[in-house]
Protein backbone atom coordinates (compact mmCIF):
# COMPACT_ATOMS: atom_id res chain seq x y z
CA MET A 1 100.67 90.20 109.63
CA ASP A 2 99.79 86.55 109.12
CA PHE A 3 96.64 86.37 106.78
CA ALA A 4 95.59 83.17 109.84
CA ARG A 5 96.71 85.34 112.78
CA LEU A 6 94.54 88.69 110.73
CA ILE A 7 91.56 86.77 110.91
CA GLU A 8 91.82 85.33 114.63
CA ALA A 9 92.71 88.36 115.45
CA ARG A 10 90.22 90.84 114.23
CA ARG A 11 87.74 92.24 116.16
CA SER A 12 85.09 95.67 115.43
CA THR A 13 85.51 97.46 118.81
CA ARG A 14 84.31 100.65 119.29
CA ALA A 15 86.83 102.59 121.31
CA PHE A 16 89.27 105.60 119.23
CA SER A 17 91.71 107.29 119.38
CA GLU A 18 91.83 110.80 118.04
CA ARG A 19 95.24 109.91 116.22
CA PRO A 20 94.52 111.23 112.56
CA VAL A 21 95.40 108.34 110.45
CA GLU A 22 98.14 108.61 108.29
CA SER A 23 97.70 109.61 103.92
CA GLY A 24 99.73 106.72 103.46
CA LYS A 25 98.04 104.53 105.55
CA LEU A 26 94.62 105.52 104.24
CA ALA A 27 96.30 104.71 100.25
CA ARG A 28 96.76 101.15 101.70
CA LEU A 29 93.23 100.73 102.67
CA LEU A 30 91.81 102.46 99.82
CA GLU A 31 94.21 99.96 97.11
CA ALA A 32 92.91 96.97 98.72
CA ALA A 33 89.55 97.52 97.85
CA ARG A 34 90.62 99.03 94.74
CA TRP A 35 91.86 95.22 94.20
CA SER A 36 89.13 93.32 95.16
CA PRO A 37 87.55 90.72 92.89
CA SER A 38 84.39 91.82 90.82
CA CYS A 39 82.08 89.83 88.56
CA SER A 40 83.16 91.05 85.15
CA ASN A 41 85.66 93.17 86.71
CA ARG A 42 83.00 96.23 86.71
CA GLN A 43 84.53 96.88 90.19
CA PRO A 44 80.56 98.70 90.85
CA TRP A 45 82.40 100.13 94.53
CA ARG A 46 82.06 102.65 95.47
CA PHE A 47 83.75 104.91 99.28
CA VAL A 48 83.46 108.19 100.66
CA VAL A 49 85.94 109.32 103.04
CA VAL A 50 85.04 111.58 105.16
CA SER A 51 87.72 112.98 107.74
CA LYS A 52 87.12 115.26 111.25
CA ASP A 53 88.15 118.82 108.85
CA ASP A 54 85.39 117.47 105.81
CA GLU A 55 82.30 120.14 106.05
CA SER A 56 80.17 117.65 105.69
CA ARG A 57 81.11 116.13 108.31
CA ALA A 58 79.03 117.55 111.51
CA ALA A 59 75.95 116.68 108.95
CA PHE A 60 77.23 113.17 108.35
CA GLU A 61 77.57 111.94 112.04
CA ASP A 62 73.86 113.68 112.52
CA ALA A 63 72.60 111.39 110.27
CA LEU A 64 74.08 107.92 112.00
CA ASP A 65 71.87 106.85 114.75
CA ALA A 66 72.52 107.39 118.44
CA GLY A 67 73.86 104.29 119.47
CA ASN A 68 76.79 104.72 117.04
CA GLY A 69 77.51 108.02 118.79
CA TRP A 70 80.94 106.55 119.41
CA ALA A 71 81.71 106.93 116.38
CA LYS A 72 81.89 110.36 116.20
CA ARG A 73 85.35 109.78 117.99
CA ALA A 74 86.77 108.52 114.97
CA PRO A 75 89.46 110.12 112.42
CA LEU A 76 87.40 109.15 109.61
CA LEU A 77 84.14 107.86 108.23
CA VAL A 78 83.70 105.96 105.27
CA VAL A 79 80.11 105.36 103.23
CA SER A 80 80.54 102.30 100.60
CA GLY A 81 78.11 101.09 98.00
CA GLY A 82 77.49 100.56 94.69
CA SER A 83 76.83 103.01 91.52
CA GLY A 84 73.68 101.55 89.64
CA ALA A 85 76.13 102.49 86.79
CA ASN A 86 77.64 99.56 87.28
CA LEU A 87 74.46 97.68 87.66
CA LEU A 88 75.02 94.28 86.32
CA GLU A 89 72.24 91.30 86.49
CA VAL A 90 72.93 87.61 85.50
CA GLU A 91 69.58 85.82 85.31
CA THR A 92 67.94 87.42 88.33
CA ARG A 93 71.05 88.03 90.38
CA ASP A 94 72.42 91.44 91.07
CA TYR A 95 75.67 91.32 92.06
CA LEU A 96 76.58 94.73 92.64
CA LEU A 97 76.25 95.15 96.44
CA HIS A 98 78.24 91.73 96.22
CA ASP A 99 80.33 93.22 95.30
CA ALA A 100 80.52 96.50 97.17
CA GLY A 101 80.75 93.78 99.87
CA LEU A 102 84.05 92.21 99.03
CA ALA A 103 85.97 95.52 98.67
CA LEU A 104 85.00 96.62 101.49
CA MET A 105 85.83 93.58 103.46
CA SER A 106 89.37 93.72 101.29
CA LEU A 107 89.51 97.18 102.98
CA VAL A 108 88.84 96.22 106.63
CA TYR A 109 90.94 93.50 106.71
CA ARG A 110 93.47 95.55 105.40
CA ALA A 111 92.88 98.33 108.37
CA PHE A 112 93.89 95.70 110.71
CA ASP A 113 96.71 94.36 109.18
CA VAL A 114 98.16 98.21 109.63
CA GLY A 115 97.27 98.80 113.33
CA LEU A 116 93.87 100.03 112.91
CA ILE A 117 89.48 99.48 113.79
CA ALA A 118 87.14 99.29 110.56
CA HIS A 119 83.96 99.13 112.36
CA PRO A 120 80.60 98.93 109.77
CA MET A 121 77.44 99.75 110.98
CA ALA A 122 73.99 99.70 109.42
CA GLY A 123 73.14 102.27 111.72
CA TRP A 124 71.99 105.28 109.71
CA LYS A 125 69.38 107.38 108.03
CA GLU A 126 69.88 107.18 104.38
CA GLN A 127 68.11 110.38 103.68
CA PRO A 128 70.37 112.67 105.32
CA MET A 129 72.86 111.08 104.89
CA ARG A 130 72.57 111.56 100.97
CA ALA A 131 71.85 115.14 101.56
CA ALA A 132 75.17 115.44 103.86
CA LEU A 133 77.18 113.96 101.27
CA SER A 134 75.48 114.52 97.60
CA LEU A 135 75.00 111.45 97.01
CA PRO A 136 73.72 110.94 93.51
CA ASP A 137 70.59 109.12 93.15
CA ASP A 138 72.11 105.71 91.54
CA PHE A 139 74.04 105.20 94.38
CA HIS A 140 73.21 102.52 96.21
CA PRO A 141 75.00 103.18 100.07
CA ILE A 142 75.73 100.26 102.31
CA ALA A 143 77.89 100.47 104.81
CA VAL A 144 79.48 103.64 106.97
CA THR A 145 82.98 102.13 108.50
CA ALA A 146 84.21 104.08 111.32
CA ILE A 147 87.75 104.20 110.41
CA GLY A 148 90.98 105.07 113.56
CA TYR A 149 93.50 103.67 115.91
CA PRO A 150 92.23 102.50 118.79
CA GLY A 151 91.53 104.25 121.88
CA SER A 152 90.95 103.50 125.15
CA PRO A 153 87.83 101.71 126.79
CA ASP A 154 87.38 104.56 129.32
CA ASP A 155 86.22 107.09 126.92
CA LEU A 156 83.04 104.85 126.12
CA ASP A 157 79.57 104.68 128.00
CA GLU A 158 78.76 101.72 130.19
CA ALA A 159 76.35 100.20 127.28
CA THR A 160 78.64 100.52 124.67
CA ARG A 161 81.75 99.33 126.86
CA LYS A 162 80.18 96.34 127.35
CA LYS A 163 79.74 95.70 124.21
CA ASP A 164 83.71 95.33 123.35
CA ASP A 165 83.93 92.78 126.22
CA LYS A 166 81.78 90.30 125.16
CA PRO A 167 83.83 87.25 123.84
CA ARG A 168 84.09 87.15 119.78
CA THR A 169 82.00 83.82 118.77
CA ARG A 170 81.03 82.06 115.67
CA ARG A 171 78.47 79.68 115.03
CA PRO A 172 79.97 76.35 113.96
CA ILE A 173 80.81 75.83 110.51
CA GLY A 174 78.07 73.00 110.16
CA ASP A 175 75.49 75.49 110.82
CA SER A 176 76.21 77.39 107.93
CA VAL A 177 78.24 75.01 105.29
CA PHE A 178 76.57 72.00 104.08
CA ALA A 179 77.91 69.44 102.28
CA GLY A 180 76.49 68.26 99.00
CA ARG A 181 73.61 69.36 100.09
CA TRP A 182 71.13 71.72 101.65
CA GLY A 183 70.82 70.63 105.66
CA VAL A 184 74.07 68.57 105.53
CA PRO A 185 76.09 70.24 107.42
CA HIS A 186 80.01 69.95 106.38
CA PRO A 187 82.49 67.75 108.88
CA ALA A 188 85.47 70.59 108.22
CA VAL A 189 86.93 71.24 111.56
CA LEU A 190 90.30 73.16 111.97
CA PRO A 191 93.35 71.43 112.70
CA GLY A 192 93.62 70.58 116.65
CA PRO A 193 96.92 71.66 118.82
CA PRO A 194 100.01 68.68 118.08
CA GLU A 195 100.10 65.07 119.92
CA ARG A 196 103.13 66.92 120.77
CA PHE A 197 105.61 70.32 121.66
CA PHE A 198 109.06 70.76 121.19
CA GLU A 199 110.84 72.11 123.48
CA THR A 200 115.00 73.34 124.14
CA ALA A 201 116.63 75.73 126.19
CA ILE A 202 117.76 78.82 124.58
CA PRO A 203 120.90 80.32 126.17
CA ILE A 204 121.87 83.82 126.47
CA ARG A 205 125.76 84.78 126.31
CA PHE A 206 126.26 88.10 127.71
CA SER A 207 127.65 89.03 123.89
CA ASP A 208 123.89 89.27 123.10
CA ILE A 209 122.97 91.95 125.33
CA ASP A 210 123.18 95.22 123.40
CA ALA A 211 123.66 98.96 124.58
CA MET A 212 119.55 98.85 125.53
CA GLY A 213 120.52 96.14 127.86
CA HIS A 214 118.87 93.39 126.15
CA VAL A 215 118.52 90.89 123.65
CA ASN A 216 119.19 92.93 120.39
CA ASN A 217 115.86 91.88 118.28
CA ALA A 218 118.00 90.79 115.07
CA LEU A 219 119.51 88.51 116.81
CA THR A 220 116.13 86.40 117.74
CA LEU A 221 116.51 84.95 114.37
CA THR A 222 119.57 83.52 114.94
CA LEU A 223 117.68 81.99 118.82
CA LEU A 224 114.92 80.88 116.78
CA GLU A 225 117.92 78.65 114.51
CA GLN A 226 119.39 77.17 117.82
CA GLY A 227 115.94 75.98 118.28
CA ARG A 228 115.51 74.93 114.93
CA MET A 229 118.50 73.11 114.58
CA ALA A 230 117.68 71.25 118.10
CA PHE A 231 114.49 69.98 116.07
CA TYR A 232 116.02 68.79 113.39
CA VAL A 233 119.10 66.95 115.77
CA GLU A 234 116.88 65.62 118.17
CA VAL A 235 113.50 64.91 116.11
CA VAL A 236 114.88 64.51 112.79
CA GLY A 237 117.84 62.95 113.57
CA VAL A 238 120.37 65.12 111.48
CA ARG A 239 124.01 64.98 112.08
CA ARG A 240 125.48 66.13 109.37
CA ILE A 241 125.21 69.67 107.65
CA GLU A 242 124.86 68.36 104.34
CA ASP A 243 121.41 66.60 105.44
CA ILE A 244 119.77 70.04 106.21
CA ASP A 245 117.37 69.87 102.81
CA PHE A 246 115.40 73.01 103.30
CA VAL A 247 115.58 76.61 102.87
CA ILE A 248 114.17 79.35 104.77
CA ALA A 249 111.60 81.49 102.70
CA GLU A 250 109.30 83.16 105.07
CA SER A 251 110.22 84.73 108.69
CA SER A 252 108.02 86.96 111.15
CA CYS A 253 108.24 88.05 115.05
CA ARG A 254 106.10 89.75 117.41
CA TYR A 255 108.19 90.85 119.79
CA LYS A 256 105.87 90.86 123.32
CA ALA A 257 108.68 91.85 125.70
CA PRO A 258 112.84 92.18 126.24
CA ILE A 259 114.90 89.25 127.12
CA LEU A 260 117.87 90.61 129.83
CA LEU A 261 120.95 88.99 130.60
CA HIS A 262 119.33 87.22 133.60
CA ASP A 263 116.18 85.25 131.96
CA THR A 264 115.88 81.59 132.17
CA VAL A 265 114.70 81.43 127.97
CA ARG A 266 112.56 78.29 126.44
CA LEU A 267 111.56 78.14 122.74
CA ARG A 268 108.31 75.45 121.91
CA LEU A 269 107.79 74.59 117.94
CA HIS A 270 105.58 73.36 116.25
CA ILE A 271 104.84 72.38 112.86
CA SER A 272 101.64 74.45 111.65
CA ASP A 273 101.02 73.74 107.91
CA VAL A 274 102.73 71.09 105.66
CA SER A 275 102.43 72.06 101.96
CA ARG A 276 103.74 69.65 98.94
CA SER A 277 107.40 71.37 98.97
CA SER A 278 107.21 74.00 102.67
CA PHE A 279 106.37 73.76 105.97
CA ARG A 280 106.04 76.07 108.74
CA PHE A 281 107.32 76.17 111.68
CA ARG A 282 105.33 78.20 114.47
CA TYR A 283 107.88 79.12 117.78
CA LEU A 284 106.92 80.46 121.32
CA MET A 285 110.13 81.90 123.87
CA PHE A 286 109.24 82.32 127.38
CA ASP A 287 110.37 82.56 130.73
CA PRO A 288 109.68 78.72 132.41
CA ASP A 289 109.82 80.11 135.65
CA ASP A 290 106.77 83.11 135.58
CA GLY A 291 105.43 82.44 131.77
CA ARG A 292 106.05 85.49 130.44
CA VAL A 293 106.04 85.62 126.44
CA PHE A 294 109.28 87.23 125.19
CA THR A 295 108.36 86.69 121.37
CA GLU A 296 105.73 84.62 119.18
CA ALA A 297 106.94 83.78 115.40
CA GLU A 298 107.00 81.83 112.57
CA THR A 299 109.23 80.46 109.51
CA VAL A 300 107.96 78.97 106.18
CA GLN A 301 110.19 76.06 105.76
CA VAL A 302 111.01 74.74 101.23
CA VAL A 303 112.25 71.60 100.66
CA TYR A 304 115.53 72.64 98.31
CA ASP A 305 117.03 70.64 96.19
CA PHE A 306 120.31 71.83 95.99
CA ALA A 307 121.65 70.23 93.15
CA ALA A 308 119.32 70.93 90.53
CA GLY A 309 118.55 74.05 91.58
CA ARG A 310 115.04 74.29 92.54
CA PRO A 311 112.34 73.02 95.38
CA LYS A 312 111.26 69.23 96.10
CA ALA A 313 108.65 67.89 98.24
CA VAL A 314 108.48 66.95 101.57
CA SER A 315 109.57 63.52 101.35
CA SER A 316 107.09 61.17 103.70
CA GLU A 317 109.86 60.03 105.55
CA PHE A 318 110.46 63.23 107.22
CA LEU A 319 106.62 63.23 107.83
CA GLU A 320 106.68 60.43 109.44
CA LYS A 321 109.56 61.48 112.06
CA VAL A 322 107.93 65.24 112.73
CA GLY A 323 104.38 63.65 112.96
CA PRO A 324 103.32 64.38 116.19
CA PHE A 325 104.70 67.73 115.52
CA ILE A 326 102.05 68.62 113.08
CA GLY A 327 99.06 70.62 114.30
CA GLY A 328 97.13 73.41 113.91
């Protein structure tokens, strides 16, 4: 998943399915944590992974606060913290818990990336948990994280369900980040939507339909290319294939609904990011009659000098032409 989309979409919800987490997926989460940064590379984090069939599970669940009873449904409960043997103080600063928190954050984001929920909790009693899991004295627990597949909100009690229904909010950047000195709000803001979106019709041909009765997913990249080329002709002013000066470096698609032969399809696109030698298109394929979204997609274009065989800088002329279509 695109990292920006992951940041926007991740939530610590509470409804878990009882479906077990595959060992390969768990390994990916733990590998993400393993490669987290740490002061002097001391890697002080330690994790205890407790599954449903572990003998310690019942006593571990008893250590959870009553308000976290929903977590007992999760197939995995993970204790994270730092090993005192890796304590590192710089002046008066102890980096053990900071570094262990970085590792947990890596695990949480990787979990969402592979389709899981990872919900860290502070509501647990330390001494019963230490006894249940035989935690050593020099281990400093920080959090218990419930991990599993999303379940049905209907399995939650009403009070817990209302917590998950609350809008996801954050305070403004300027309330937490200061510029130059304490108390001066930092002016950073995300880019707004583009001044204009480019739209074009995407005709669907009978030959595009596969044996399942809809446009084959593999054809989606070709449909995106049709829209991309229309943008280059109408906005950039390209008239010859030799004037196409980019290569596709990355493509990603999220399929929302199948496209059928009788559907009316339009493609909307804009440029979301521009770097020294690359830029990103964001696409939306939708039905203009009823608003159904068929596909969300992104591609990264690298501007390329084919004669020299290497990337080149995005030109100021190109940026001037596409300026109204650049936005968040």
